[in-house]
């Protein structure tokens, strides 16, 4: 078992580039840094859990803005198109397949 500083791990790569920290069963545990820039639409064939550990994530789903703050998480269901709206910054932990 490793002790991981999420902020340092996120800062090791450019913004919006996730780093796989570990696997738990079949789930990837990843971290990424957000830098206020938007990120384009994407969807996956698996659920994606977004846990904000620092800052705020502005997620756009079906033309609705969902704000996820530090200490909050949002689970995007499979097949749902989502994008990041401008103003998202900080660190986000991602759990997916």
Protein backbone atom coordinates (compact mmCIF):
# COMPACT_ATOMS: atom_id res chain seq x y z
CA UNK A 1 0.00 0.00 0.00
CA UNK A 2 1.34 3.41 -0.94
CA UNK A 3 0.79 6.80 0.64
CA UNK A 4 -0.10 9.22 -2.17
CA UNK A 5 -0.36 13.00 -2.04
CA UNK A 6 -3.20 13.70 -4.50
CA UNK A 7 -2.24 17.33 -5.15
CA UNK A 8 1.36 16.39 -6.01
CA UNK A 9 0.24 13.48 -8.21
CA UNK A 10 -2.22 15.72 -10.07
CA UNK A 11 0.40 18.44 -10.62
CA UNK A 12 2.83 15.93 -12.16
CA UNK A 13 0.95 16.01 -15.49
CA UNK A 14 -0.59 18.82 -17.55
CA UNK A 15 -4.15 19.83 -16.69
CA UNK A 16 -6.88 17.43 -17.82
CA UNK A 17 -4.40 14.53 -18.18
CA UNK A 18 -5.24 11.91 -15.57
CA UNK A 19 -2.74 9.67 -13.83
CA UNK A 20 -3.71 6.16 -12.74
CA UNK A 21 -2.69 5.87 -9.09
CA UNK A 22 -4.01 2.38 -8.35
CA UNK A 23 -6.54 -0.26 -9.27
CA UNK A 24 -9.14 -1.61 -6.86
CA UNK A 25 -10.72 -4.70 -8.34
CA UNK A 26 -11.47 -3.65 -11.91
CA UNK A 27 -11.74 0.07 -11.05
CA UNK A 28 -9.06 2.61 -11.92
CA UNK A 29 -8.30 5.24 -9.29
CA UNK A 30 -7.05 8.32 -11.15
CA UNK A 31 -6.28 11.94 -10.34
CA UNK A 32 -6.10 15.04 -12.50
CA UNK A 33 -5.52 18.74 -12.17
CA UNK A 34 -8.12 21.22 -13.46
CA UNK A 35 -6.98 24.63 -14.78
CA UNK A 36 -10.10 26.79 -15.40
CA UNK A 37 -10.22 25.82 -19.09
CA UNK A 38 -13.21 23.96 -20.54
CA UNK A 39 -12.93 20.32 -21.60
CA UNK A 40 -14.97 18.97 -24.54
CA UNK A 41 -17.90 16.54 -24.49
CA UNK A 42 -17.18 12.91 -23.77
CA UNK A 43 -19.09 9.81 -22.76
CA UNK A 44 -18.11 6.34 -21.61
CA UNK A 45 -19.67 2.88 -21.61
CA UNK A 46 -19.10 2.66 -17.84
CA UNK A 47 -20.00 4.89 -14.88
CA UNK A 48 -17.47 7.55 -13.94
CA UNK A 49 -17.19 8.84 -10.37
CA UNK A 50 -15.78 12.38 -10.06
CA UNK A 51 -14.68 13.35 -6.54
CA UNK A 52 -13.40 16.90 -6.09
CA UNK A 53 -10.74 17.00 -3.37
CA UNK A 54 -9.69 20.61 -3.90
CA UNK A 55 -11.40 23.45 -5.77
CA UNK A 56 -14.52 23.12 -7.91
CA UNK A 57 -15.64 21.17 -11.00
CA UNK A 58 -18.24 22.78 -13.28
CA UNK A 59 -19.80 19.89 -15.14
CA UNK A 60 -22.24 20.35 -18.02
CA UNK A 61 -24.78 17.55 -18.46
CA UNK A 62 -27.81 17.89 -20.80
CA UNK A 63 -27.29 21.67 -21.00
CA UNK A 64 -27.47 21.86 -17.17
CA UNK A 65 -24.54 23.14 -15.13
CA UNK A 66 -23.74 20.95 -12.14
CA UNK A 67 -21.25 22.43 -9.67
CA UNK A 68 -19.24 19.91 -7.64
CA UNK A 69 -17.24 21.47 -4.81
CA UNK A 70 -14.39 20.14 -2.67
CA UNK A 71 -15.64 17.21 -0.62
CA UNK A 72 -18.45 16.41 -3.09
CA UNK A 73 -18.73 13.80 -5.83
CA UNK A 74 -20.85 13.15 -8.87
CA UNK A 75 -21.36 9.81 -10.62
CA UNK A 76 -21.90 10.15 -14.38
CA UNK A 77 -23.98 7.18 -15.60
CA UNK A 78 -22.77 5.13 -18.59
CA UNK A 79 -23.51 6.67 -22.00
CA UNK A 80 -24.23 10.17 -20.67
CA UNK A 81 -22.43 12.94 -22.55
CA UNK A 82 -20.73 15.39 -20.22
CA UNK A 83 -18.29 18.28 -20.56
CA UNK A 84 -16.36 20.57 -18.25
CA UNK A 85 -17.46 24.21 -18.25
CA UNK A 86 -14.94 27.05 -17.78
CA UNK A 87 -13.92 27.92 -14.23
CA UNK A 88 -13.14 24.42 -12.99
CA UNK A 89 -9.94 24.36 -10.95
CA UNK A 90 -8.26 22.23 -8.31
CA UNK A 91 -7.89 18.47 -8.02
CA UNK A 92 -10.33 15.74 -9.07
CA UNK A 93 -10.14 12.06 -8.18
CA UNK A 94 -11.72 9.80 -10.83
CA UNK A 95 -12.94 6.25 -10.30
CA UNK A 96 -13.80 4.37 -13.49
CA UNK A 97 -13.12 1.25 -15.48
